Amino acid sequence: MASAPDAERAAVDAERAVLDEVAAAMRNRPDADVLDRARETVAVHMPSRLAECRACDGPALCPPFTSALAVLDRWDQVKARRVRAVLQYAGLWPDGYVHDGRDD
């Protein structure tokens, strides 16, 4: 009968470890303002087909755009893929780019 509490304790410890990982991931997640600002920055600084930033009046892929795209890569991969698809269609991004876990 002594093994039953030990087995329960091991199950509780394993569950606690999973919950600790989830809690740590949620603490590292940026707040909604950061994501909204990144989405807005990408929309404002989206390069034109002439490979220039309309907001900065400089070359395409300006620092604000690339920084915002990096935030989206980390926290909103769907939006980042859409942005890359638009850039690829315009000829401003190389073909075949696949974002996966190895890029982090």
N, C-alpha and C. Protein backbone atom coordinates (compact mmCIF):
# COMPACT_ATOMS: atom_id res chain seq x y z
N MET A 1 0.80 -1.20 0.00
CA MET A 1 0.00 0.00 0.00
C MET A 1 0.86 1.27 0.00
N ALA A 2 2.10 1.17 0.35
CA ALA A 2 2.97 2.34 0.42
C ALA A 2 3.30 2.87 -0.97
N SER A 3 3.17 2.03 -2.01
CA SER A 3 3.52 2.49 -3.35
C SER A 3 2.45 3.39 -3.96
N ALA A 4 1.23 3.30 -3.51
CA ALA A 4 0.15 4.13 -4.07
C ALA A 4 0.40 5.62 -3.86
N PRO A 5 0.75 6.08 -2.66
CA PRO A 5 1.02 7.52 -2.50
C PRO A 5 2.23 7.97 -3.33
N ASP A 6 3.23 7.10 -3.45
CA ASP A 6 4.39 7.46 -4.26
C ASP A 6 4.02 7.59 -5.73
N ALA A 7 3.15 6.72 -6.22
CA ALA A 7 2.70 6.80 -7.60
C ALA A 7 1.88 8.06 -7.83
N GLU A 8 1.04 8.41 -6.88
CA GLU A 8 0.25 9.63 -7.00
C GLU A 8 1.16 10.86 -6.97
N ARG A 9 2.16 10.80 -6.10
CA ARG A 9 3.08 11.93 -5.99
C ARG A 9 3.83 12.14 -7.31
N ALA A 10 4.24 11.05 -7.95
CA ALA A 10 4.94 11.16 -9.23
C ALA A 10 4.04 11.75 -10.30
N ALA A 11 2.76 11.36 -10.30
CA ALA A 11 1.82 11.91 -11.28
C ALA A 11 1.60 13.40 -11.03
N VAL A 12 1.49 13.78 -9.76
CA VAL A 12 1.30 15.20 -9.42
C VAL A 12 2.54 16.00 -9.80
N ASP A 13 3.72 15.46 -9.55
CA ASP A 13 4.96 16.16 -9.91
C ASP A 13 5.08 16.33 -11.42
N ALA A 14 4.69 15.32 -12.18
CA ALA A 14 4.75 15.42 -13.64
C ALA A 14 3.76 16.48 -14.13
N GLU A 15 2.57 16.50 -13.55
CA GLU A 15 1.57 17.51 -13.95
C GLU A 15 2.04 18.90 -13.58
N ARG A 16 2.66 19.04 -12.42
CA ARG A 16 3.15 20.33 -11.98
C ARG A 16 4.25 20.84 -12.93
N ALA A 17 5.11 19.94 -13.40
CA ALA A 17 6.17 20.34 -14.33
C ALA A 17 5.57 20.87 -15.64
N VAL A 18 4.54 20.22 -16.15
CA VAL A 18 3.88 20.70 -17.37
C VAL A 18 3.25 22.06 -17.13
N LEU A 19 2.57 22.23 -16.01
CA LEU A 19 1.94 23.52 -15.70
C LEU A 19 2.98 24.62 -15.53
N ASP A 20 4.13 24.29 -14.95
CA ASP A 20 5.20 25.28 -14.80
C ASP A 20 5.72 25.73 -16.17
N GLU A 21 5.84 24.79 -17.11
CA GLU A 21 6.29 25.15 -18.46
C GLU A 21 5.29 26.07 -19.15
N VAL A 22 4.01 25.76 -19.01
CA VAL A 22 2.98 26.60 -19.62
C VAL A 22 2.99 27.99 -19.00
N ALA A 23 3.11 28.06 -17.68
CA ALA A 23 3.14 29.35 -17.00
C ALA A 23 4.35 30.17 -17.44
N ALA A 24 5.50 29.53 -17.60
CA ALA A 24 6.70 30.24 -18.05
C ALA A 24 6.52 30.76 -19.47
N ALA A 25 5.91 29.97 -20.33
CA ALA A 25 5.67 30.42 -21.71
C ALA A 25 4.72 31.61 -21.73
N MET A 26 3.72 31.60 -20.90
CA MET A 26 2.77 32.72 -20.87
C MET A 26 3.42 33.98 -20.30
N ARG A 27 4.34 33.83 -19.36
CA ARG A 27 5.04 35.00 -18.82
C ARG A 27 5.93 35.63 -19.88
N ASN A 28 6.50 34.83 -20.78
CA ASN A 28 7.39 35.34 -21.81
C ASN A 28 6.65 35.92 -23.00
N ARG A 29 5.36 35.69 -23.10
CA ARG A 29 4.57 36.19 -24.22
C ARG A 29 4.37 37.69 -24.08
N PRO A 30 4.58 38.44 -25.17
CA PRO A 30 4.38 39.90 -25.07
C PRO A 30 2.91 40.22 -24.94
N ASP A 31 2.63 41.39 -24.42
CA ASP A 31 1.23 41.78 -24.28
C ASP A 31 0.64 42.13 -25.65
N ALA A 32 -0.65 42.31 -25.68
CA ALA A 32 -1.37 42.53 -26.94
C ALA A 32 -0.92 43.82 -27.62
N ASP A 33 -0.51 44.81 -26.84
CA ASP A 33 -0.06 46.08 -27.43
C ASP A 33 1.16 45.89 -28.32
N VAL A 34 2.08 45.04 -27.91
CA VAL A 34 3.29 44.80 -28.70
C VAL A 34 2.92 44.16 -30.03
N LEU A 35 2.04 43.16 -29.99
CA LEU A 35 1.62 42.51 -31.23
C LEU A 35 0.84 43.46 -32.13
N ASP A 36 -0.04 44.25 -31.55
CA ASP A 36 -0.80 45.21 -32.35
C ASP A 36 0.12 46.24 -32.99
N ARG A 37 1.11 46.70 -32.23
CA ARG A 37 2.06 47.67 -32.77
C ARG A 37 2.88 47.05 -33.90
N ALA A 38 3.28 45.79 -33.74
CA ALA A 38 4.04 45.11 -34.79
C ALA A 38 3.20 44.94 -36.05
N ARG A 39 1.94 44.55 -35.89
CA ARG A 39 1.06 44.40 -37.05
C ARG A 39 0.85 45.74 -37.76
N GLU A 40 0.68 46.80 -36.98
CA GLU A 40 0.50 48.13 -37.57
C GLU A 40 1.76 48.60 -38.28
N THR A 41 2.92 48.35 -37.66
CA THR A 41 4.19 48.77 -38.28
C THR A 41 4.41 48.04 -39.60
N VAL A 42 4.11 46.75 -39.63
CA VAL A 42 4.26 45.99 -40.88
C VAL A 42 3.34 46.56 -41.95
N ALA A 43 2.11 46.92 -41.58
CA ALA A 43 1.17 47.47 -42.56
C ALA A 43 1.63 48.83 -43.07
N VAL A 44 2.14 49.66 -42.17
CA VAL A 44 2.56 51.02 -42.57
C VAL A 44 3.84 50.98 -43.40
N HIS A 45 4.78 50.12 -43.04
CA HIS A 45 6.09 50.10 -43.69
C HIS A 45 6.19 49.02 -44.77
N MET A 46 5.06 48.46 -45.19
CA MET A 46 5.09 47.44 -46.26
C MET A 46 5.71 48.05 -47.51
N PRO A 47 6.74 47.42 -48.06
CA PRO A 47 7.41 47.98 -49.24
C PRO A 47 6.49 48.00 -50.46
N SER A 48 6.73 48.98 -51.31
CA SER A 48 5.99 49.04 -52.57
C SER A 48 6.63 48.09 -53.56
N ARG A 49 6.01 47.94 -54.71
CA ARG A 49 6.59 47.08 -55.75
C ARG A 49 7.89 47.65 -56.32
N LEU A 50 8.14 48.91 -56.05
CA LEU A 50 9.39 49.54 -56.50
C LEU A 50 10.51 49.34 -55.48
N ALA A 51 10.26 48.50 -54.48
CA ALA A 51 11.25 48.18 -53.45
C ALA A 51 11.66 49.39 -52.63
N GLU A 52 10.65 50.13 -52.18
CA GLU A 52 10.93 51.25 -51.29
C GLU A 52 9.86 51.31 -50.22
N CYS A 53 10.26 51.80 -49.05
CA CYS A 53 9.34 51.96 -47.94
C CYS A 53 8.62 53.30 -48.11
N ARG A 54 7.31 53.25 -48.14
CA ARG A 54 6.55 54.48 -48.34
C ARG A 54 6.59 55.38 -47.11
N ALA A 55 6.73 54.80 -45.93
CA ALA A 55 6.74 55.60 -44.70
C ALA A 55 8.10 56.24 -44.46
N CYS A 56 9.17 55.51 -44.74
CA CYS A 56 10.53 56.02 -44.49
C CYS A 56 11.14 56.71 -45.70
N ASP A 57 10.55 56.57 -46.86
CA ASP A 57 11.12 57.07 -48.12
C ASP A 57 12.54 56.52 -48.33
N GLY A 58 12.72 55.27 -47.95
CA GLY A 58 14.01 54.62 -48.11
C GLY A 58 13.85 53.28 -48.81
N PRO A 59 14.89 52.49 -48.77
CA PRO A 59 14.81 51.18 -49.44
C PRO A 59 13.84 50.24 -48.72
N ALA A 60 13.43 49.21 -49.44
CA ALA A 60 12.51 48.22 -48.88
C ALA A 60 13.15 47.51 -47.69
N LEU A 61 12.33 46.89 -46.88
CA LEU A 61 12.76 46.17 -45.70
C LEU A 61 13.55 47.07 -44.76
N CYS A 62 12.95 48.20 -44.42
CA CYS A 62 13.57 49.15 -43.51
C CYS A 62 13.64 48.55 -42.10
N PRO A 63 14.44 49.12 -41.21
CA PRO A 63 14.58 48.57 -39.86
C PRO A 63 13.26 48.44 -39.08
N PRO A 64 12.35 49.42 -39.12
CA PRO A 64 11.09 49.21 -38.40
C PRO A 64 10.30 48.01 -38.94
N PHE A 65 10.32 47.83 -40.26
CA PHE A 65 9.59 46.72 -40.88
C PHE A 65 10.20 45.38 -40.46
N THR A 66 11.53 45.28 -40.55
CA THR A 66 12.17 44.01 -40.22
C THR A 66 12.04 43.68 -38.74
N SER A 67 12.09 44.68 -37.88
CA SER A 67 11.89 44.44 -36.44
C SER A 67 10.48 43.95 -36.16
N ALA A 68 9.51 44.59 -36.78
CA ALA A 68 8.12 44.16 -36.59
C ALA A 68 7.90 42.76 -37.15
N LEU A 69 8.52 42.45 -38.27
CA LEU A 69 8.39 41.12 -38.85
C LEU A 69 9.02 40.06 -37.95
N ALA A 70 10.10 40.43 -37.27
CA ALA A 70 10.72 39.50 -36.31
C ALA A 70 9.78 39.20 -35.14
N VAL A 71 9.07 40.22 -34.67
CA VAL A 71 8.09 40.00 -33.59
C VAL A 71 6.98 39.08 -34.08
N LEU A 72 6.50 39.32 -35.29
CA LEU A 72 5.45 38.47 -35.85
C LEU A 72 5.95 37.05 -36.07
N ASP A 73 7.20 36.90 -36.48
CA ASP A 73 7.78 35.56 -36.64
C ASP A 73 7.71 34.77 -35.33
N ARG A 74 7.92 35.46 -34.25
CA ARG A 74 7.95 34.79 -32.95
C ARG A 74 6.56 34.53 -32.39
N TRP A 75 5.64 35.49 -32.54
CA TRP A 75 4.37 35.42 -31.83
C TRP A 75 3.15 35.31 -32.71
N ASP A 76 3.25 35.59 -33.99
CA ASP A 76 2.09 35.50 -34.89
C ASP A 76 2.58 34.99 -36.25
N GLN A 77 2.90 33.70 -36.29
CA GLN A 77 3.49 33.13 -37.50
C GLN A 77 2.57 33.19 -38.70
N VAL A 78 1.27 33.13 -38.49
CA VAL A 78 0.32 33.18 -39.60
C VAL A 78 0.41 34.52 -40.31
N LYS A 79 0.43 35.60 -39.54
CA LYS A 79 0.54 36.95 -40.13
C LYS A 79 1.89 37.11 -40.82
N ALA A 80 2.95 36.60 -40.22
CA ALA A 80 4.29 36.71 -40.83
C ALA A 80 4.33 35.97 -42.16
N ARG A 81 3.71 34.79 -42.23
CA ARG A 81 3.67 34.06 -43.50
C ARG A 81 2.90 34.82 -44.56
N ARG A 82 1.81 35.47 -44.16
CA ARG A 82 1.04 36.26 -45.13
C ARG A 82 1.86 37.42 -45.67
N VAL A 83 2.58 38.09 -44.79
CA VAL A 83 3.42 39.21 -45.21
C VAL A 83 4.48 38.72 -46.17
N ARG A 84 5.11 37.60 -45.86
CA ARG A 84 6.14 37.05 -46.75
C ARG A 84 5.55 36.63 -48.09
N ALA A 85 4.32 36.13 -48.08
CA ALA A 85 3.68 35.74 -49.35
C ALA A 85 3.46 36.97 -50.22
N VAL A 86 3.05 38.08 -49.63
CA VAL A 86 2.87 39.32 -50.40
C VAL A 86 4.20 39.80 -50.94
N LEU A 87 5.24 39.77 -50.10
CA LEU A 87 6.57 40.20 -50.55
C LEU A 87 7.10 39.28 -51.66
N GLN A 88 6.85 37.99 -51.52
CA GLN A 88 7.30 37.05 -52.54
C GLN A 88 6.57 37.29 -53.85
N TYR A 89 5.28 37.54 -53.78
CA TYR A 89 4.49 37.81 -54.99
C TYR A 89 5.00 39.07 -55.70
N ALA A 90 5.44 40.06 -54.91
CA ALA A 90 5.95 41.30 -55.48
C ALA A 90 7.40 41.17 -55.93
N GLY A 91 8.02 40.03 -55.66
CA GLY A 91 9.41 39.84 -56.07
C GLY A 91 10.41 40.42 -55.09
N LEU A 92 9.98 40.68 -53.86
CA LEU A 92 10.86 41.29 -52.86
C LEU A 92 11.35 40.29 -51.82
N TRP A 93 10.93 39.04 -51.94
CA TRP A 93 11.35 38.00 -51.00
C TRP A 93 11.71 36.76 -51.80
N PRO A 94 12.78 36.05 -51.43
CA PRO A 94 13.17 34.88 -52.22
C PRO A 94 12.13 33.77 -52.17
N ASP A 95 12.04 33.01 -53.24
CA ASP A 95 11.12 31.88 -53.30
C ASP A 95 11.58 30.78 -52.34
N GLY A 96 10.62 30.06 -51.82
CA GLY A 96 10.93 28.88 -51.05
C GLY A 96 11.30 29.11 -49.61
N TYR A 97 11.10 30.29 -49.07
CA TYR A 97 11.42 30.51 -47.67
C TYR A 97 10.38 29.80 -46.82
N VAL A 98 10.84 28.96 -45.91
CA VAL A 98 9.94 28.25 -45.01
C VAL A 98 10.39 28.57 -43.59
N HIS A 99 9.49 29.16 -42.80
CA HIS A 99 9.81 29.44 -41.40
C HIS A 99 9.45 28.22 -40.58
N ASP A 100 10.41 27.75 -39.83
CA ASP A 100 10.13 26.64 -38.92
C ASP A 100 10.90 26.86 -37.63
N GLY A 101 10.85 25.89 -36.75
CA GLY A 101 11.46 26.01 -35.44
C GLY A 101 12.97 26.20 -35.46
N ARG A 102 13.61 25.79 -36.55
CA ARG A 102 15.07 25.96 -36.62
C ARG A 102 15.47 27.41 -36.76
N ASP A 103 14.55 28.31 -37.14
CA ASP A 103 14.88 29.72 -37.32
C ASP A 103 14.92 30.48 -36.00
N ASP A 104 14.34 29.90 -34.95
CA ASP A 104 14.26 30.62 -33.67
C ASP A 104 15.57 30.63 -32.94
